[in-house]
mmCIF file of all heavy atoms, coordinates in Angstrom:
data_MODEL
# 
_entry.id   MODEL 
# 
loop_
_atom_site.group_PDB 
_atom_site.id 
_atom_site.type_symbol 
_atom_site.label_atom_id 
_atom_site.label_alt_id 
_atom_site.label_comp_id 
_atom_site.label_asym_id 
_atom_site.label_entity_id 
_atom_site.label_seq_id 
_atom_site.pdbx_PDB_ins_code 
_atom_site.Cartn_x 
_atom_site.Cartn_y 
_atom_site.Cartn_z 
_atom_site.occupancy 
_atom_site.B_iso_or_equiv 
_atom_site.pdbx_formal_charge 
_atom_site.auth_seq_id 
_atom_site.auth_comp_id 
_atom_site.auth_asym_id 
_atom_site.auth_atom_id 
_atom_site.pdbx_PDB_model_num 
ATOM 1   N N   . LEU A 1 1  ? -30.690 5.674   1.217  1.00 0.00 ? 1  LEU A N   1 
ATOM 2   C CA  . LEU A 1 1  ? -30.013 4.555   0.554  1.00 0.00 ? 1  LEU A CA  1 
ATOM 3   C C   . LEU A 1 1  ? -28.628 4.986   0.073  1.00 0.00 ? 1  LEU A C   1 
ATOM 4   O O   . LEU A 1 1  ? -27.662 4.218   0.158  1.00 0.00 ? 1  LEU A O   1 
ATOM 5   C CB  . LEU A 1 1  ? -30.865 4.068   -0.608 1.00 0.00 ? 1  LEU A CB  1 
ATOM 6   C CG  . LEU A 1 1  ? -30.682 2.617   -1.081 1.00 0.00 ? 1  LEU A CG  1 
ATOM 7   C CD1 . LEU A 1 1  ? -30.994 1.631   0.025  1.00 0.00 ? 1  LEU A CD1 1 
ATOM 8   C CD2 . LEU A 1 1  ? -31.558 2.344   -2.291 1.00 0.00 ? 1  LEU A CD2 1 
ATOM 9   N N   . GLY A 1 2  ? -28.537 6.229   -0.415 1.00 0.00 ? 2  GLY A N   1 
ATOM 10  C CA  . GLY A 1 2  ? -27.242 6.759   -0.849 1.00 0.00 ? 2  GLY A CA  1 
ATOM 11  C C   . GLY A 1 2  ? -26.255 6.889   0.306  1.00 0.00 ? 2  GLY A C   1 
ATOM 12  O O   . GLY A 1 2  ? -25.080 6.535   0.169  1.00 0.00 ? 2  GLY A O   1 
ATOM 13  N N   . VAL A 1 3  ? -26.728 7.392   1.449  1.00 0.00 ? 3  VAL A N   1 
ATOM 14  C CA  . VAL A 1 3  ? -25.866 7.522   2.632  1.00 0.00 ? 3  VAL A CA  1 
ATOM 15  C C   . VAL A 1 3  ? -25.378 6.146   3.089  1.00 0.00 ? 3  VAL A C   1 
ATOM 16  O O   . VAL A 1 3  ? -24.191 5.954   3.393  1.00 0.00 ? 3  VAL A O   1 
ATOM 17  C CB  . VAL A 1 3  ? -26.620 8.224   3.778  1.00 0.00 ? 3  VAL A CB  1 
ATOM 18  C CG1 . VAL A 1 3  ? -25.809 8.164   5.073  1.00 0.00 ? 3  VAL A CG1 1 
ATOM 19  C CG2 . VAL A 1 3  ? -26.923 9.666   3.417  1.00 0.00 ? 3  VAL A CG2 1 
ATOM 20  N N   . THR A 1 4  ? -26.294 5.185   3.122  1.00 0.00 ? 4  THR A N   1 
ATOM 21  C CA  . THR A 1 4  ? -25.927 3.826   3.538  1.00 0.00 ? 4  THR A CA  1 
ATOM 22  C C   . THR A 1 4  ? -24.925 3.212   2.576  1.00 0.00 ? 4  THR A C   1 
ATOM 23  O O   . THR A 1 4  ? -23.978 2.527   2.989  1.00 0.00 ? 4  THR A O   1 
ATOM 24  C CB  . THR A 1 4  ? -27.192 2.943   3.607  1.00 0.00 ? 4  THR A CB  1 
ATOM 25  O OG1 . THR A 1 4  ? -28.178 3.584   4.418  1.00 0.00 ? 4  THR A OG1 1 
ATOM 26  C CG2 . THR A 1 4  ? -26.870 1.589   4.215  1.00 0.00 ? 4  THR A CG2 1 
ATOM 27  N N   . ASP A 1 5  ? -25.116 3.464   1.278  1.00 0.00 ? 5  ASP A N   1 
ATOM 28  C CA  . ASP A 1 5  ? -24.200 2.921   0.275  1.00 0.00 ? 5  ASP A CA  1 
ATOM 29  C C   . ASP A 1 5  ? -22.802 3.513   0.426  1.00 0.00 ? 5  ASP A C   1 
ATOM 30  O O   . ASP A 1 5  ? -21.794 2.798   0.300  1.00 0.00 ? 5  ASP A O   1 
ATOM 31  C CB  . ASP A 1 5  ? -24.752 3.201   -1.122 1.00 0.00 ? 5  ASP A CB  1 
ATOM 32  C CG  . ASP A 1 5  ? -24.042 2.395   -2.189 1.00 0.00 ? 5  ASP A CG  1 
ATOM 33  O OD1 . ASP A 1 5  ? -23.751 1.203   -1.948 1.00 0.00 ? 5  ASP A OD1 1 
ATOM 34  O OD2 . ASP A 1 5  ? -23.778 2.934   -3.270 1.00 0.00 ? 5  ASP A OD2 1 
ATOM 35  N N   . ILE A 1 6  ? -22.723 4.812   0.706  1.00 0.00 ? 6  ILE A N   1 
ATOM 36  C CA  . ILE A 1 6  ? -21.425 5.455   0.931  1.00 0.00 ? 6  ILE A CA  1 
ATOM 37  C C   . ILE A 1 6  ? -20.733 4.850   2.145  1.00 0.00 ? 6  ILE A C   1 
ATOM 38  O O   . ILE A 1 6  ? -19.541 4.516   2.118  1.00 0.00 ? 6  ILE A O   1 
ATOM 39  C CB  . ILE A 1 6  ? -21.607 6.974   1.111  1.00 0.00 ? 6  ILE A CB  1 
ATOM 40  C CG1 . ILE A 1 6  ? -21.999 7.637   -0.214 1.00 0.00 ? 6  ILE A CG1 1 
ATOM 41  C CG2 . ILE A 1 6  ? -20.332 7.616   1.664  1.00 0.00 ? 6  ILE A CG2 1 
ATOM 42  C CD1 . ILE A 1 6  ? -22.345 9.108   -0.092 1.00 0.00 ? 6  ILE A CD1 1 
ATOM 43  N N   . ALA A 1 7  ? -21.488 4.693   3.236  1.00 0.00 ? 7  ALA A N   1 
ATOM 44  C CA  . ALA A 1 7  ? -20.912 4.140   4.457  1.00 0.00 ? 7  ALA A CA  1 
ATOM 45  C C   . ALA A 1 7  ? -20.474 2.694   4.271  1.00 0.00 ? 7  ALA A C   1 
ATOM 46  O O   . ALA A 1 7  ? -19.403 2.284   4.739  1.00 0.00 ? 7  ALA A O   1 
ATOM 47  C CB  . ALA A 1 7  ? -21.930 4.240   5.595  1.00 0.00 ? 7  ALA A CB  1 
ATOM 48  N N   . LEU A 1 8  ? -21.289 1.904   3.564  1.00 0.00 ? 8  LEU A N   1 
ATOM 49  C CA  . LEU A 1 8  ? -20.960 0.498   3.344  1.00 0.00 ? 8  LEU A CA  1 
ATOM 50  C C   . LEU A 1 8  ? -19.710 0.360   2.478  1.00 0.00 ? 8  LEU A C   1 
ATOM 51  O O   . LEU A 1 8  ? -18.813 -0.441  2.783  1.00 0.00 ? 8  LEU A O   1 
ATOM 52  C CB  . LEU A 1 8  ? -22.145 -0.218  2.687  1.00 0.00 ? 8  LEU A CB  1 
ATOM 53  C CG  . LEU A 1 8  ? -21.985 -1.718  2.404  1.00 0.00 ? 8  LEU A CG  1 
ATOM 54  C CD1 . LEU A 1 8  ? -21.707 -2.481  3.687  1.00 0.00 ? 8  LEU A CD1 1 
ATOM 55  C CD2 . LEU A 1 8  ? -23.240 -2.256  1.724  1.00 0.00 ? 8  LEU A CD2 1 
ATOM 56  N N   . SER A 1 9  ? -19.636 1.139   1.406  1.00 0.00 ? 9  SER A N   1 
ATOM 57  C CA  . SER A 1 9  ? -18.458 1.091   0.531  1.00 0.00 ? 9  SER A CA  1 
ATOM 58  C C   . SER A 1 9  ? -17.201 1.503   1.277  1.00 0.00 ? 9  SER A C   1 
ATOM 59  O O   . SER A 1 9  ? -16.137 0.890   1.119  1.00 0.00 ? 9  SER A O   1 
ATOM 60  C CB  . SER A 1 9  ? -18.670 2.007   -0.681 1.00 0.00 ? 9  SER A CB  1 
ATOM 61  O OG  . SER A 1 9  ? -19.801 1.624   -1.428 1.00 0.00 ? 9  SER A OG  1 
ATOM 62  N N   . THR A 1 10 ? -17.321 2.532   2.117  1.00 0.00 ? 10 THR A N   1 
ATOM 63  C CA  . THR A 1 10 ? -16.172 3.014   2.869  1.00 0.00 ? 10 THR A CA  1 
ATOM 64  C C   . THR A 1 10 ? -15.727 2.009   3.929  1.00 0.00 ? 10 THR A C   1 
ATOM 65  O O   . THR A 1 10 ? -14.548 1.965   4.293  1.00 0.00 ? 10 THR A O   1 
ATOM 66  C CB  . THR A 1 10 ? -16.504 4.369   3.520  1.00 0.00 ? 10 THR A CB  1 
ATOM 67  O OG1 . THR A 1 10 ? -16.923 5.288   2.503  1.00 0.00 ? 10 THR A OG1 1 
ATOM 68  C CG2 . THR A 1 10 ? -15.296 4.956   4.232  1.00 0.00 ? 10 THR A CG2 1 
ATOM 69  N N   . SER A 1 11 ? -16.651 1.193   4.404  1.00 0.00 ? 11 SER A N   1 
ATOM 70  C CA  . SER A 1 11 ? -16.311 0.169   5.394  1.00 0.00 ? 11 SER A CA  1 
ATOM 71  C C   . SER A 1 11 ? -15.519 -0.973  4.785  1.00 0.00 ? 11 SER A C   1 
ATOM 72  O O   . SER A 1 11 ? -14.810 -1.689  5.499  1.00 0.00 ? 11 SER A O   1 
ATOM 73  C CB  . SER A 1 11 ? -17.593 -0.392  6.036  1.00 0.00 ? 11 SER A CB  1 
ATOM 74  O OG  . SER A 1 11 ? -18.318 0.609   6.693  1.00 0.00 ? 11 SER A OG  1 
ATOM 75  N N   . ILE A 1 12 ? -15.624 -1.156  3.468  1.00 0.00 ? 12 ILE A N   1 
ATOM 76  C CA  . ILE A 1 12 ? -15.010 -2.313  2.812  1.00 0.00 ? 12 ILE A CA  1 
ATOM 77  C C   . ILE A 1 12 ? -13.823 -1.929  1.938  1.00 0.00 ? 12 ILE A C   1 
ATOM 78  O O   . ILE A 1 12 ? -12.729 -2.485  2.071  1.00 0.00 ? 12 ILE A O   1 
ATOM 79  C CB  . ILE A 1 12 ? -16.056 -3.054  1.953  1.00 0.00 ? 12 ILE A CB  1 
ATOM 80  C CG1 . ILE A 1 12 ? -17.180 -3.608  2.824  1.00 0.00 ? 12 ILE A CG1 1 
ATOM 81  C CG2 . ILE A 1 12 ? -15.394 -4.182  1.172  1.00 0.00 ? 12 ILE A CG2 1 
ATOM 82  C CD1 . ILE A 1 12 ? -18.313 -4.237  2.039  1.00 0.00 ? 12 ILE A CD1 1 
ATOM 83  N N   . VAL A 1 13 ? -14.026 -0.982  1.017  1.00 0.00 ? 13 VAL A N   1 
ATOM 84  C CA  . VAL A 1 13 ? -13.072 -0.769  -0.075 1.00 0.00 ? 13 VAL A CA  1 
ATOM 85  C C   . VAL A 1 13 ? -11.711 -0.242  0.379  1.00 0.00 ? 13 VAL A C   1 
ATOM 86  O O   . VAL A 1 13 ? -10.673 -0.744  -0.093 1.00 0.00 ? 13 VAL A O   1 
ATOM 87  C CB  . VAL A 1 13 ? -13.685 0.138   -1.157 1.00 0.00 ? 13 VAL A CB  1 
ATOM 88  C CG1 . VAL A 1 13 ? -12.670 0.400   -2.272 1.00 0.00 ? 13 VAL A CG1 1 
ATOM 89  C CG2 . VAL A 1 13 ? -14.935 -0.500  -1.731 1.00 0.00 ? 13 VAL A CG2 1 
ATOM 90  N N   . PRO A 1 14 ? -11.605 0.776   1.261  1.00 0.00 ? 14 PRO A N   1 
ATOM 91  C CA  . PRO A 1 14 ? -10.272 1.268   1.627  1.00 0.00 ? 14 PRO A CA  1 
ATOM 92  C C   . PRO A 1 14 ? -9.353  0.179   2.179  1.00 0.00 ? 14 PRO A C   1 
ATOM 93  O O   . PRO A 1 14 ? -8.176  0.097   1.796  1.00 0.00 ? 14 PRO A O   1 
ATOM 94  C CB  . PRO A 1 14 ? -10.572 2.341   2.678  1.00 0.00 ? 14 PRO A CB  1 
ATOM 95  C CG  . PRO A 1 14 ? -11.929 2.835   2.313  1.00 0.00 ? 14 PRO A CG  1 
ATOM 96  C CD  . PRO A 1 14 ? -12.674 1.625   1.850  1.00 0.00 ? 14 PRO A CD  1 
ATOM 97  N N   . LYS A 1 15 ? -9.869  -0.659  3.084  1.00 0.00 ? 15 LYS A N   1 
ATOM 98  C CA  . LYS A 1 15 ? -9.047  -1.747  3.616  1.00 0.00 ? 15 LYS A CA  1 
ATOM 99  C C   . LYS A 1 15 ? -8.715  -2.754  2.515  1.00 0.00 ? 15 LYS A C   1 
ATOM 100 O O   . LYS A 1 15 ? -7.587  -3.273  2.457  1.00 0.00 ? 15 LYS A O   1 
ATOM 101 C CB  . LYS A 1 15 ? -9.795  -2.441  4.755  1.00 0.00 ? 15 LYS A CB  1 
ATOM 102 C CG  . LYS A 1 15 ? -9.037  -3.628  5.356  1.00 0.00 ? 15 LYS A CG  1 
ATOM 103 C CD  . LYS A 1 15 ? -7.690  -3.215  5.917  1.00 0.00 ? 15 LYS A CD  1 
ATOM 104 C CE  . LYS A 1 15 ? -6.934  -4.384  6.497  1.00 0.00 ? 15 LYS A CE  1 
ATOM 105 N NZ  . LYS A 1 15 ? -5.585  -4.018  6.973  1.00 0.00 ? 15 LYS A NZ  1 
ATOM 106 N N   . MET A 1 16 ? -9.666  -3.018  1.634  1.00 0.00 ? 16 MET A N   1 
ATOM 107 C CA  . MET A 1 16 ? -9.426  -3.941  0.531  1.00 0.00 ? 16 MET A CA  1 
ATOM 108 C C   . MET A 1 16 ? -8.311  -3.424  -0.376 1.00 0.00 ? 16 MET A C   1 
ATOM 109 O O   . MET A 1 16 ? -7.416  -4.186  -0.779 1.00 0.00 ? 16 MET A O   1 
ATOM 110 C CB  . MET A 1 16 ? -10.720 -4.123  -0.274 1.00 0.00 ? 16 MET A CB  1 
ATOM 111 C CG  . MET A 1 16 ? -10.643 -5.155  -1.378 1.00 0.00 ? 16 MET A CG  1 
ATOM 112 S SD  . MET A 1 16 ? -12.180 -5.248  -2.329 1.00 0.00 ? 16 MET A SD  1 
ATOM 113 C CE  . MET A 1 16 ? -13.304 -5.858  -1.088 1.00 0.00 ? 16 MET A CE  1 
ATOM 114 N N   . LEU A 1 17 ? -8.321  -2.140  -0.683 1.00 0.00 ? 17 LEU A N   1 
ATOM 115 C CA  . LEU A 1 17 ? -7.267  -1.558  -1.519 1.00 0.00 ? 17 LEU A CA  1 
ATOM 116 C C   . LEU A 1 17 ? -5.924  -1.565  -0.795 1.00 0.00 ? 17 LEU A C   1 
ATOM 117 O O   . LEU A 1 17 ? -4.868  -1.700  -1.429 1.00 0.00 ? 17 LEU A O   1 
ATOM 118 C CB  . LEU A 1 17 ? -7.644  -0.135  -1.918 1.00 0.00 ? 17 LEU A CB  1 
ATOM 119 C CG  . LEU A 1 17 ? -8.872  -0.003  -2.829 1.00 0.00 ? 17 LEU A CG  1 
ATOM 120 C CD1 . LEU A 1 17 ? -9.153  1.466   -3.123 1.00 0.00 ? 17 LEU A CD1 1 
ATOM 121 C CD2 . LEU A 1 17 ? -8.688  -0.787  -4.124 1.00 0.00 ? 17 LEU A CD2 1 
ATOM 122 N N   . GLY A 1 18 ? -5.966  -1.431  0.537  1.00 0.00 ? 18 GLY A N   1 
ATOM 123 C CA  . GLY A 1 18 ? -4.733  -1.534  1.315  1.00 0.00 ? 18 GLY A CA  1 
ATOM 124 C C   . GLY A 1 18 ? -4.103  -2.908  1.189  1.00 0.00 ? 18 GLY A C   1 
ATOM 125 O O   . GLY A 1 18 ? -2.873  -3.043  1.144  1.00 0.00 ? 18 GLY A O   1 
ATOM 126 N N   . ILE A 1 19 ? -4.962  -3.935  1.117  1.00 0.00 ? 19 ILE A N   1 
ATOM 127 C CA  . ILE A 1 19 ? -4.469  -5.307  0.918  1.00 0.00 ? 19 ILE A CA  1 
ATOM 128 C C   . ILE A 1 19 ? -3.930  -5.475  -0.500 1.00 0.00 ? 19 ILE A C   1 
ATOM 129 O O   . ILE A 1 19 ? -2.839  -6.011  -0.714 1.00 0.00 ? 19 ILE A O   1 
ATOM 130 C CB  . ILE A 1 19 ? -5.591  -6.320  1.194  1.00 0.00 ? 19 ILE A CB  1 
ATOM 131 C CG1 . ILE A 1 19 ? -6.055  -6.229  2.646  1.00 0.00 ? 19 ILE A CG1 1 
ATOM 132 C CG2 . ILE A 1 19 ? -5.133  -7.737  0.882  1.00 0.00 ? 19 ILE A CG2 1 
ATOM 133 C CD1 . ILE A 1 19 ? -7.329  -7.005  2.924  1.00 0.00 ? 19 ILE A CD1 1 
ATOM 134 N N   . PHE A 1 20 ? -4.697  -5.030  -1.480 1.00 0.00 ? 20 PHE A N   1 
ATOM 135 C CA  . PHE A 1 20 ? -4.339  -5.233  -2.885 1.00 0.00 ? 20 PHE A CA  1 
ATOM 136 C C   . PHE A 1 20 ? -3.071  -4.487  -3.285 1.00 0.00 ? 20 PHE A C   1 
ATOM 137 O O   . PHE A 1 20 ? -2.223  -5.020  -3.997 1.00 0.00 ? 20 PHE A O   1 
ATOM 138 C CB  . PHE A 1 20 ? -5.489  -4.790  -3.788 1.00 0.00 ? 20 PHE A CB  1 
ATOM 139 C CG  . PHE A 1 20 ? -6.712  -5.669  -3.706 1.00 0.00 ? 20 PHE A CG  1 
ATOM 140 C CD1 . PHE A 1 20 ? -7.886  -5.285  -4.339 1.00 0.00 ? 20 PHE A CD1 1 
ATOM 141 C CD2 . PHE A 1 20 ? -6.698  -6.877  -3.025 1.00 0.00 ? 20 PHE A CD2 1 
ATOM 142 C CE1 . PHE A 1 20 ? -9.025  -6.086  -4.287 1.00 0.00 ? 20 PHE A CE1 1 
ATOM 143 C CE2 . PHE A 1 20 ? -7.828  -7.679  -2.961 1.00 0.00 ? 20 PHE A CE2 1 
ATOM 144 C CZ  . PHE A 1 20 ? -8.991  -7.284  -3.591 1.00 0.00 ? 20 PHE A CZ  1 
ATOM 145 N N   . TRP A 1 21 ? -2.959  -3.222  -2.856 1.00 0.00 ? 21 TRP A N   1 
ATOM 146 C CA  . TRP A 1 21 ? -1.884  -2.351  -3.350 1.00 0.00 ? 21 TRP A CA  1 
ATOM 147 C C   . TRP A 1 21 ? -0.693  -2.237  -2.414 1.00 0.00 ? 21 TRP A C   1 
ATOM 148 O O   . TRP A 1 21 ? 0.439   -2.086  -2.869 1.00 0.00 ? 21 TRP A O   1 
ATOM 149 C CB  . TRP A 1 21 ? -2.447  -0.960  -3.623 1.00 0.00 ? 21 TRP A CB  1 
ATOM 150 C CG  . TRP A 1 21 ? -3.350  -0.902  -4.824 1.00 0.00 ? 21 TRP A CG  1 
ATOM 151 C CD1 . TRP A 1 21 ? -3.480  -1.860  -5.793 1.00 0.00 ? 21 TRP A CD1 1 
ATOM 152 C CD2 . TRP A 1 21 ? -4.223  0.163   -5.191 1.00 0.00 ? 21 TRP A CD2 1 
ATOM 153 N NE1 . TRP A 1 21 ? -4.398  -1.453  -6.729 1.00 0.00 ? 21 TRP A NE1 1 
ATOM 154 C CE2 . TRP A 1 21 ? -4.870  -0.217  -6.396 1.00 0.00 ? 21 TRP A CE2 1 
ATOM 155 C CE3 . TRP A 1 21 ? -4.538  1.390   -4.626 1.00 0.00 ? 21 TRP A CE3 1 
ATOM 156 C CZ2 . TRP A 1 21 ? -5.803  0.601   -7.032 1.00 0.00 ? 21 TRP A CZ2 1 
ATOM 157 C CZ3 . TRP A 1 21 ? -5.469  2.209   -5.254 1.00 0.00 ? 21 TRP A CZ3 1 
ATOM 158 C CH2 . TRP A 1 21 ? -6.095  1.809   -6.453 1.00 0.00 ? 21 TRP A CH2 1 
ATOM 159 N N   . PHE A 1 22 ? -0.925  -2.256  -1.109 1.00 0.00 ? 22 PHE A N   1 
ATOM 160 C CA  . PHE A 1 22 ? 0.160   -1.995  -0.160 1.00 0.00 ? 22 PHE A CA  1 
ATOM 161 C C   . PHE A 1 22 ? 0.461   -3.195  0.739  1.00 0.00 ? 22 PHE A C   1 
ATOM 162 O O   . PHE A 1 22 ? 1.286   -3.085  1.642  1.00 0.00 ? 22 PHE A O   1 
ATOM 163 C CB  . PHE A 1 22 ? -0.186  -0.765  0.696  1.00 0.00 ? 22 PHE A CB  1 
ATOM 164 C CG  . PHE A 1 22 ? -0.555  0.444   -0.122 1.00 0.00 ? 22 PHE A CG  1 
ATOM 165 C CD1 . PHE A 1 22 ? -1.869  0.878   -0.185 1.00 0.00 ? 22 PHE A CD1 1 
ATOM 166 C CD2 . PHE A 1 22 ? 0.418   1.121   -0.840 1.00 0.00 ? 22 PHE A CD2 1 
ATOM 167 C CE1 . PHE A 1 22 ? -2.209  1.992   -0.952 1.00 0.00 ? 22 PHE A CE1 1 
ATOM 168 C CE2 . PHE A 1 22 ? 0.089   2.241   -1.599 1.00 0.00 ? 22 PHE A CE2 1 
ATOM 169 C CZ  . PHE A 1 22 ? -1.229  2.669   -1.661 1.00 0.00 ? 22 PHE A CZ  1 
ATOM 170 N N   . HIS A 1 23 ? -0.237  -4.314  0.502  1.00 0.00 ? 23 HIS A N   1 
ATOM 171 C CA  . HIS A 1 23 ? -0.015  -5.555  1.254  1.00 0.00 ? 23 HIS A CA  1 
ATOM 172 C C   . HIS A 1 23 ? -0.181  -5.348  2.771  1.00 0.00 ? 23 HIS A C   1 
ATOM 173 O O   . HIS A 1 23 ? 0.526   -5.967  3.571  1.00 0.00 ? 23 HIS A O   1 
ATOM 174 C CB  . HIS A 1 23 ? 1.364   -6.136  0.948  1.00 0.00 ? 23 HIS A CB  1 
ATOM 175 C CG  . HIS A 1 23 ? 1.607   -6.345  -0.523 1.00 0.00 ? 23 HIS A CG  1 
ATOM 176 N ND1 . HIS A 1 23 ? 0.961   -7.322  -1.258 1.00 0.00 ? 23 HIS A ND1 1 
ATOM 177 C CD2 . HIS A 1 23 ? 2.415   -5.685  -1.398 1.00 0.00 ? 23 HIS A CD2 1 
ATOM 178 C CE1 . HIS A 1 23 ? 1.357   -7.264  -2.513 1.00 0.00 ? 23 HIS A CE1 1 
ATOM 179 N NE2 . HIS A 1 23 ? 2.231   -6.274  -2.636 1.00 0.00 ? 23 HIS A NE2 1 
ATOM 180 N N   . ILE A 1 24 ? -1.112  -4.472  3.130  1.00 0.00 ? 24 ILE A N   1 
ATOM 181 C CA  . ILE A 1 24 ? -1.440  -4.264  4.546  1.00 0.00 ? 24 ILE A CA  1 
ATOM 182 C C   . ILE A 1 24 ? -2.530  -5.277  4.907  1.00 0.00 ? 24 ILE A C   1 
ATOM 183 O O   . ILE A 1 24 ? -3.721  -4.977  4.874  1.00 0.00 ? 24 ILE A O   1 
ATOM 184 C CB  . ILE A 1 24 ? -1.907  -2.817  4.807  1.00 0.00 ? 24 ILE A CB  1 
ATOM 185 C CG1 . ILE A 1 24 ? -0.864  -1.825  4.305  1.00 0.00 ? 24 ILE A CG1 1 
ATOM 186 C CG2 . ILE A 1 24 ? -2.168  -2.604  6.296  1.00 0.00 ? 24 ILE A CG2 1 
ATOM 187 C CD1 . ILE A 1 24 ? -1.318  -0.376  4.383  1.00 0.00 ? 24 ILE A CD1 1 
ATOM 188 N N   . THR A 1 25 ? -2.105  -6.472  5.217  1.00 0.00 ? 25 THR A N   1 
ATOM 189 C CA  . THR A 1 25 ? -3.052  -7.579  5.409  1.00 0.00 ? 25 THR A CA  1 
ATOM 190 C C   . THR A 1 25 ? -3.498  -7.744  6.856  1.00 0.00 ? 25 THR A C   1 
ATOM 191 O O   . THR A 1 25 ? -4.503  -8.393  7.113  1.00 0.00 ? 25 THR A O   1 
ATOM 192 C CB  . THR A 1 25 ? -2.419  -8.901  4.946  1.00 0.00 ? 25 THR A CB  1 
ATOM 193 O OG1 . THR A 1 25 ? -1.209  -9.133  5.669  1.00 0.00 ? 25 THR A OG1 1 
ATOM 194 C CG2 . THR A 1 25 ? -2.093  -8.842  3.459  1.00 0.00 ? 25 THR A CG2 1 
ATOM 195 N N   . GLU A 1 26 ? -2.762  -7.188  7.797  1.00 0.00 ? 26 GLU A N   1 
ATOM 196 C CA  . GLU A 1 26 ? -3.104  -7.386  9.207  1.00 0.00 ? 26 GLU A CA  1 
ATOM 197 C C   . GLU A 1 26 ? -4.214  -6.432  9.639  1.00 0.00 ? 26 GLU A C   1 
ATOM 198 O O   . GLU A 1 26 ? -4.307  -5.294  9.166  1.00 0.00 ? 26 GLU A O   1 
ATOM 199 C CB  . GLU A 1 26 ? -1.870  -7.181  10.086 1.00 0.00 ? 26 GLU A CB  1 
ATOM 200 C CG  . GLU A 1 26 ? -0.810  -8.266  9.910  1.00 0.00 ? 26 GLU A CG  1 
ATOM 201 C CD  . GLU A 1 26 ? 0.305   -8.133  10.928 1.00 0.00 ? 26 GLU A CD  1 
ATOM 202 O OE1 . GLU A 1 26 ? 0.408   -7.059  11.562 1.00 0.00 ? 26 GLU A OE1 1 
ATOM 203 O OE2 . GLU A 1 26 ? 1.070   -9.100  11.096 1.00 0.00 ? 26 GLU A OE2 1 
ATOM 204 N N   . ILE A 1 27 ? -5.039  -6.928  10.535 1.00 0.00 ? 27 ILE A N   1 
ATOM 205 C CA  . ILE A 1 27 ? -6.117  -6.121  11.115 1.00 0.00 ? 27 ILE A CA  1 
ATOM 206 C C   . ILE A 1 27 ? -6.324  -6.571  12.552 1.00 0.00 ? 27 ILE A C   1 
ATOM 207 O O   . ILE A 1 27 ? -6.294  -7.775  12.840 1.00 0.00 ? 27 ILE A O   1 
ATOM 208 C CB  . ILE A 1 27 ? -7.429  -6.258  10.300 1.00 0.00 ? 27 ILE A CB  1 
ATOM 209 C CG1 . ILE A 1 27 ? -8.522  -5.348  10.874 1.00 0.00 ? 27 ILE A CG1 1 
ATOM 210 C CG2 . ILE A 1 27 ? -7.903  -7.700  10.243 1.00 0.00 ? 27 ILE A CG2 1 
ATOM 211 C CD1 . ILE A 1 27 ? -9.771  -5.266  9.999  1.00 0.00 ? 27 ILE A CD1 1 
ATOM 212 N N   . TYR A 1 28 ? -6.458  -5.628  13.464 1.00 0.00 ? 28 TYR A N   1 
ATOM 213 C CA  . TYR A 1 28 ? -6.697  -5.989  14.863 1.00 0.00 ? 28 TYR A CA  1 
ATOM 214 C C   . TYR A 1 28 ? -8.021  -6.739  14.976 1.00 0.00 ? 28 TYR A C   1 
ATOM 215 O O   . TYR A 1 28 ? -8.972  -6.460  14.245 1.00 0.00 ? 28 TYR A O   1 
ATOM 216 C CB  . TYR A 1 28 ? -6.724  -4.740  15.742 1.00 0.00 ? 28 TYR A CB  1 
ATOM 217 C CG  . TYR A 1 28 ? -5.362  -4.115  15.958 1.00 0.00 ? 28 TYR A CG  1 
ATOM 218 C CD1 . TYR A 1 28 ? -5.047  -2.891  15.377 1.00 0.00 ? 28 TYR A CD1 1 
ATOM 219 C CD2 . TYR A 1 28 ? -4.403  -4.752  16.734 1.00 0.00 ? 28 TYR A CD2 1 
ATOM 220 C CE1 . TYR A 1 28 ? -3.799  -2.313  15.557 1.00 0.00 ? 28 TYR A CE1 1 
ATOM 221 C CE2 . TYR A 1 28 ? -3.151  -4.185  16.929 1.00 0.00 ? 28 TYR A CE2 1 
ATOM 222 C CZ  . TYR A 1 28 ? -2.854  -2.967  16.336 1.00 0.00 ? 28 TYR A CZ  1 
ATOM 223 O OH  . TYR A 1 28 ? -1.620  -2.411  16.511 1.00 0.00 ? 28 TYR A OH  1 
ATOM 224 N N   . PHE A 1 29 ? -8.051  -7.682  15.904 1.00 0.00 ? 29 PHE A N   1 
ATOM 225 C CA  . PHE A 1 29 ? -9.243  -8.517  16.064 1.00 0.00 ? 29 PHE A CA  1 
ATOM 226 C C   . PHE A 1 29 ? -10.482 -7.661  16.331 1.00 0.00 ? 29 PHE A C   1 
ATOM 227 O O   . PHE A 1 29 ? -11.540 -7.869  15.715 1.00 0.00 ? 29 PHE A O   1 
ATOM 228 C CB  . PHE A 1 29 ? -9.032  -9.519  17.204 1.00 0.00 ? 29 PHE A CB  1 
ATOM 229 C CG  . PHE A 1 29 ? -10.141 -10.509 17.358 1.00 0.00 ? 29 PHE A CG  1 
ATOM 230 C CD1 . PHE A 1 29 ? -10.195 -11.642 16.562 1.00 0.00 ? 29 PHE A CD1 1 
ATOM 231 C CD2 . PHE A 1 29 ? -11.155 -10.312 18.289 1.00 0.00 ? 29 PHE A CD2 1 
ATOM 232 C CE1 . PHE A 1 29 ? -11.230 -12.563 16.689 1.00 0.00 ? 29 PHE A CE1 1 
ATOM 233 C CE2 . PHE A 1 29 ? -12.182 -11.221 18.426 1.00 0.00 ? 29 PHE A CE2 1 
ATOM 234 C CZ  . PHE A 1 29 ? -12.219 -12.349 17.627 1.00 0.00 ? 29 PHE A CZ  1 
# 
């Protein structure tokens, strides 16, 4: 469960912070 939680958080949060802080809103389809 811990491994899955790490992977799930890493799949979401880094890109989200890129949007929030650096305005990197584009993502390839």
